[in-house]
Amino acid sequence: MTTIEVCAGSLESAIIAQQCGAHRVELCDSLETGGLTPSFGTLQQAARLLRLNTHVLIRPRNGDYVYDDQLLEVMVSDIALVKQLGFKGVVIGALDRRANIDLARLHVLLQAAEGLSVTFHRAFDLCAKPFEAAEKLIQLKVDRILTSGQRPTAFEGIPMIADLVREFGQHISFMPGSGINGSNISEIIRKTGVNECHLSGRQAVRAAGPATGLMRWQSDAFIRYETSASALREIMELVKVLPEH
């Protein structure tokens, strides 16, 4: 069966993913910015409450993926905490100013993450030479690459993802992500030949109670997004009947 990884932007979403039978969670915060490292408190509670395989996003700020030495130390410390709390994997990435993998800084992160499963995140979709980047990540023994095929959504990126799988799929796992839902997941899997998919299945949740004060004129600030149990259950049922490849 295709492995379904749920990108959970909160502890609540991670628990929903667990209840719906997801195979793995990528735990993060601030999905609206592309995801950031969860808080210490969230990680503590997740370690206590989650039984499914959980990987933690290591991303100290939004924006680009070019990091200085100070931010590198932040990421190394976050990885140490993830290890200490007993999580199984991390999701990392670093680029230089020429849109190539920052090999020196990535090497430091990989040393810190020794013993954990490692996913290189969608910084890959900003790489100037993605096929060369994939070769380097294979040499570094990274376990998987999260990618939308350098397009806004994984569905649009099917051609590149399929090419990457054909070229390198025996050496590293490619995991499509971005815009995957019940209406397109089967086609994405069939046309790319991947064994893993990454999705959030999220829905908007409005603040409870009447709109008062700031809520009247800053309504968007009082909306959060959580994984939809119904959407995720639909996807889990779909992947059960997909043929093996």
Protein backbone atom coordinates (compact mmCIF):
# COMPACT_ATOMS: atom_id res chain seq x y z
CA MET A 1 0.00 0.00 0.00
CA THR A 2 1.13 3.55 -0.70
CA THR A 3 2.40 5.22 2.47
CA ILE A 4 0.32 8.26 3.39
CA GLU A 5 2.14 10.96 5.32
CA VAL A 6 -0.07 13.67 6.78
CA CYS A 7 1.40 17.14 7.08
CA ALA A 8 -0.04 18.12 10.45
CA GLY A 9 0.19 21.79 11.33
CA SER A 10 -0.87 21.21 14.93
CA LEU A 11 -1.09 18.52 17.58
CA GLU A 12 -4.83 18.37 16.93
CA SER A 13 -4.29 17.53 13.26
CA ALA A 14 -1.66 14.93 14.14
CA ILE A 15 -4.11 13.19 16.48
CA ILE A 16 -6.77 13.23 13.74
CA ALA A 17 -4.25 11.65 11.36
CA GLN A 18 -3.54 8.94 13.90
CA GLN A 19 -7.22 8.23 14.45
CA CYS A 20 -7.84 7.96 10.70
CA GLY A 21 -5.10 5.41 10.12
CA ALA A 22 -2.42 7.54 8.46
CA HIS A 23 0.91 5.80 8.20
CA ARG A 24 3.10 8.73 9.19
CA VAL A 25 2.88 12.34 10.29
CA GLU A 26 5.11 15.27 9.47
CA LEU A 27 4.58 17.49 12.48
CA CYS A 28 5.04 21.21 11.96
CA ASP A 29 3.56 24.60 12.78
CA SER A 30 2.38 27.56 10.65
CA LEU A 31 1.33 25.66 7.55
CA GLU A 32 0.19 28.93 5.99
CA THR A 33 3.88 29.93 5.70
CA GLY A 34 4.95 26.54 4.35
CA GLY A 35 5.58 25.06 7.80
CA LEU A 36 7.94 25.80 10.69
CA THR A 37 9.42 23.78 13.55
CA PRO A 38 6.79 23.05 16.23
CA SER A 39 7.12 24.50 19.70
CA PHE A 40 8.81 22.64 22.54
CA GLY A 41 5.45 22.13 24.25
CA THR A 42 3.88 20.72 21.09
CA LEU A 43 6.77 18.29 20.67
CA GLN A 44 6.52 17.14 24.28
CA GLN A 45 2.81 16.45 23.98
CA ALA A 46 3.20 14.80 20.59
CA ALA A 47 5.84 12.45 21.99
CA ARG A 48 3.40 11.49 24.73
CA LEU A 49 0.23 11.13 22.65
CA LEU A 50 1.26 9.95 19.18
CA ARG A 51 1.86 6.26 18.51
CA LEU A 52 2.31 6.48 14.75
CA ASN A 53 5.62 7.18 13.03
CA THR A 54 6.25 10.93 13.42
CA HIS A 55 8.81 13.06 11.59
CA VAL A 56 9.42 16.66 12.67
CA LEU A 57 9.98 19.60 10.35
CA ILE A 58 13.20 21.47 11.13
CA ARG A 59 12.71 24.93 9.65
CA PRO A 60 13.50 27.91 11.90
CA ARG A 61 11.83 30.65 9.86
CA ASN A 62 9.76 31.22 6.74
CA GLY A 63 11.01 32.71 3.50
CA ASP A 64 13.94 31.16 1.65
CA TYR A 65 16.08 28.18 2.67
CA VAL A 66 19.39 30.03 2.89
CA TYR A 67 20.66 29.88 6.47
CA ASP A 68 23.55 31.50 8.31
CA ASP A 69 25.61 29.81 11.02
CA GLN A 70 23.36 31.11 13.79
CA LEU A 71 20.25 29.53 12.27
CA LEU A 72 22.22 26.36 11.57
CA GLU A 73 22.90 26.07 15.30
CA VAL A 74 19.20 26.56 16.00
CA MET A 75 18.38 23.66 13.67
CA VAL A 76 21.04 21.43 15.21
CA SER A 77 19.58 22.11 18.65
CA ASP A 78 16.07 21.35 17.41
CA ILE A 79 17.25 18.05 15.94
CA ALA A 80 18.85 17.15 19.27
CA LEU A 81 15.52 17.78 21.00
CA VAL A 82 13.68 15.64 18.43
CA LYS A 83 16.11 12.81 19.14
CA GLN A 84 15.80 13.22 22.90
CA LEU A 85 12.00 13.00 22.70
CA GLY A 86 12.16 9.79 20.69
CA PHE A 87 10.79 10.84 17.29
CA LYS A 88 11.70 8.70 14.29
CA GLY A 89 12.68 11.27 11.69
CA VAL A 90 13.34 14.84 10.65
CA VAL A 91 12.49 16.90 7.59
CA ILE A 92 15.33 19.22 6.64
CA GLY A 93 16.84 21.24 3.80
CA ALA A 94 19.28 24.05 3.06
CA LEU A 95 20.20 25.90 -0.13
CA ASP A 96 22.90 28.35 -1.10
CA ARG A 97 22.31 31.66 -2.87
CA ARG A 98 22.71 30.03 -6.28
CA ALA A 99 19.78 27.67 -5.65
CA ASN A 100 22.00 24.66 -5.11
CA ILE A 101 22.00 22.40 -2.07
CA ASP A 102 24.18 23.90 0.65
CA LEU A 103 26.29 20.77 1.08
CA ALA A 104 28.36 22.07 3.98
CA ARG A 105 25.37 23.01 6.12
CA LEU A 106 23.35 19.98 5.08
CA HIS A 107 26.25 17.77 6.16
CA VAL A 108 26.10 19.35 9.64
CA LEU A 109 22.36 18.72 9.82
CA LEU A 110 22.78 15.11 8.70
CA GLN A 111 25.44 14.51 11.33
CA ALA A 112 23.06 15.84 13.98
CA ALA A 113 20.28 13.62 12.60
CA GLU A 114 22.33 10.41 12.54
CA GLY A 115 20.07 7.46 13.38
CA LEU A 116 16.89 9.24 12.23
CA SER A 117 14.99 8.91 8.97
CA VAL A 118 15.69 12.00 6.86
CA THR A 119 13.44 13.73 4.33
CA PHE A 120 14.76 16.61 2.23
CA HIS A 121 11.82 19.02 2.07
CA ARG A 122 10.46 21.18 -0.73
CA ALA A 123 13.57 23.32 -0.86
CA PHE A 124 14.20 20.73 -3.57
CA ASP A 125 11.58 22.47 -5.71
CA LEU A 126 13.73 25.62 -5.74
CA CYS A 127 16.90 23.83 -6.85
CA ALA A 128 18.28 25.15 -10.12
CA LYS A 129 19.38 21.65 -11.20
CA PRO A 130 16.98 19.16 -9.61
CA PHE A 131 18.46 16.00 -11.16
CA GLU A 132 21.94 16.92 -9.95
CA ALA A 133 20.44 17.73 -6.55
CA ALA A 134 18.80 14.29 -6.41
CA GLU A 135 22.14 12.62 -7.17
CA LYS A 136 23.81 14.52 -4.32
CA LEU A 137 21.05 13.61 -1.87
CA ILE A 138 21.44 9.96 -2.82
CA GLN A 139 25.18 10.19 -2.17
CA LEU A 140 24.40 11.69 1.25
CA LYS A 141 22.04 8.75 1.99
CA VAL A 142 18.94 10.92 2.46
CA ASP A 143 15.89 8.63 2.65
CA ARG A 144 13.35 10.63 0.64
CA ILE A 145 12.70 13.84 -1.23
CA LEU A 146 9.44 15.77 -0.81
CA THR A 147 8.59 17.47 -4.10
CA SER A 148 5.83 18.89 -6.25
CA GLY A 149 7.98 18.41 -9.35
CA GLN A 150 8.96 22.10 -9.22
CA ARG A 151 5.39 23.11 -9.98
CA PRO A 152 2.76 24.71 -7.69
CA THR A 153 1.05 21.34 -7.12
CA ALA A 154 2.12 17.72 -7.35
CA PHE A 155 -0.55 17.06 -9.97
CA GLU A 156 0.99 19.70 -12.24
CA GLY A 157 4.42 18.30 -11.46
CA ILE A 158 3.61 14.71 -12.49
CA PRO A 159 5.98 14.74 -15.52
CA MET A 160 9.07 15.71 -13.53
CA ILE A 161 8.22 13.44 -10.59
CA ALA A 162 7.78 10.51 -12.96
CA ASP A 163 11.14 11.28 -14.59
CA LEU A 164 12.85 11.47 -11.19
CA VAL A 165 11.34 8.13 -10.13
CA ARG A 166 12.47 6.47 -13.36
CA GLU A 167 15.99 7.87 -13.03
CA PHE A 168 16.61 7.50 -9.30
CA GLY A 169 13.69 5.59 -7.75
CA GLN A 170 15.80 2.54 -6.96
CA HIS A 171 18.07 4.64 -4.74
CA ILE A 172 15.78 7.15 -3.00
CA SER A 173 12.08 7.64 -2.40
CA PHE A 174 10.28 10.55 -4.05
CA MET A 175 7.22 11.71 -2.11
CA PRO A 176 4.81 14.01 -3.97
CA GLY A 177 3.31 16.83 -1.94
CA SER A 178 1.17 19.94 -2.48
CA GLY A 179 -2.46 19.95 -3.52
CA ILE A 180 -2.99 16.20 -3.17
CA ASN A 181 -6.56 15.17 -2.38
CA GLY A 182 -9.09 12.43 -2.96
CA SER A 183 -9.79 13.56 -6.52
CA ASN A 184 -6.22 13.34 -7.79
CA ILE A 185 -4.18 11.02 -5.55
CA SER A 186 -4.90 7.88 -7.57
CA GLU A 187 -3.78 9.50 -10.82
CA ILE A 188 -0.65 10.96 -9.22
CA ILE A 189 0.39 7.56 -7.87
CA ARG A 190 -0.43 5.75 -11.12
CA LYS A 191 1.42 8.19 -13.39
CA THR A 192 4.51 8.70 -11.22
CA GLY A 193 5.04 5.24 -9.70
CA VAL A 194 5.65 6.63 -6.21
CA ASN A 195 5.21 4.64 -3.02
CA GLU A 196 4.61 7.59 -0.67
CA CYS A 197 2.38 10.68 -0.74
CA HIS A 198 2.31 13.76 1.47
CA LEU A 199 -0.88 15.73 2.11
CA SER A 200 -2.64 17.78 4.75
CA GLY A 201 -6.31 17.18 3.95
CA ARG A 202 -6.94 20.43 5.71
CA GLN A 203 -10.12 22.43 6.13
CA ALA A 204 -10.79 25.91 7.53
CA VAL A 205 -11.98 26.09 11.13
CA ARG A 206 -13.47 29.38 12.28
CA ALA A 207 -13.21 30.69 15.82
CA ALA A 208 -16.01 29.55 18.06
CA GLY A 209 -18.47 32.04 19.49
CA PRO A 210 -19.86 35.34 18.21
CA ALA A 211 -17.74 37.77 16.22
CA THR A 212 -16.79 40.56 18.60
CA GLY A 213 -14.13 43.26 18.74
CA LEU A 214 -11.21 42.56 16.43
CA MET A 215 -12.97 39.54 14.95
CA ARG A 216 -15.38 41.86 13.09
CA TRP A 217 -12.68 43.44 10.94
CA GLN A 218 -9.83 40.93 11.13
CA SER A 219 -11.90 37.83 10.46
CA ASP A 220 -9.14 36.02 8.56
CA ALA A 221 -6.93 36.18 11.63
CA PHE A 222 -9.43 34.02 13.50
CA ILE A 223 -9.42 31.13 11.03
CA ARG A 224 -7.16 28.16 11.47
CA TYR A 225 -6.68 25.05 9.33
CA GLU A 226 -6.86 21.49 10.61
CA THR A 227 -6.79 18.09 8.95
CA SER A 228 -10.26 16.95 7.94
CA ALA A 229 -11.06 13.48 9.30
CA SER A 230 -13.58 12.81 6.53
CA ALA A 231 -11.17 13.84 3.75
CA LEU A 232 -8.38 11.73 5.21
CA ARG A 233 -10.57 8.67 5.67
CA GLU A 234 -11.62 8.93 2.02
CA ILE A 235 -7.98 9.00 0.94
CA MET A 236 -7.04 6.06 3.15
CA GLU A 237 -9.83 4.01 1.59
CA LEU A 238 -8.71 5.00 -1.91
CA VAL A 239 -5.12 3.88 -1.43
CA LYS A 240 -6.20 0.51 -0.03
CA VAL A 241 -7.55 -0.54 -3.43
CA LEU A 242 -4.77 0.84 -5.61
CA PRO A 243 -2.78 -1.85 -7.44
CA GLU A 244 0.79 -2.46 -6.33
CA HIS A 245 3.55 -1.33 -8.70
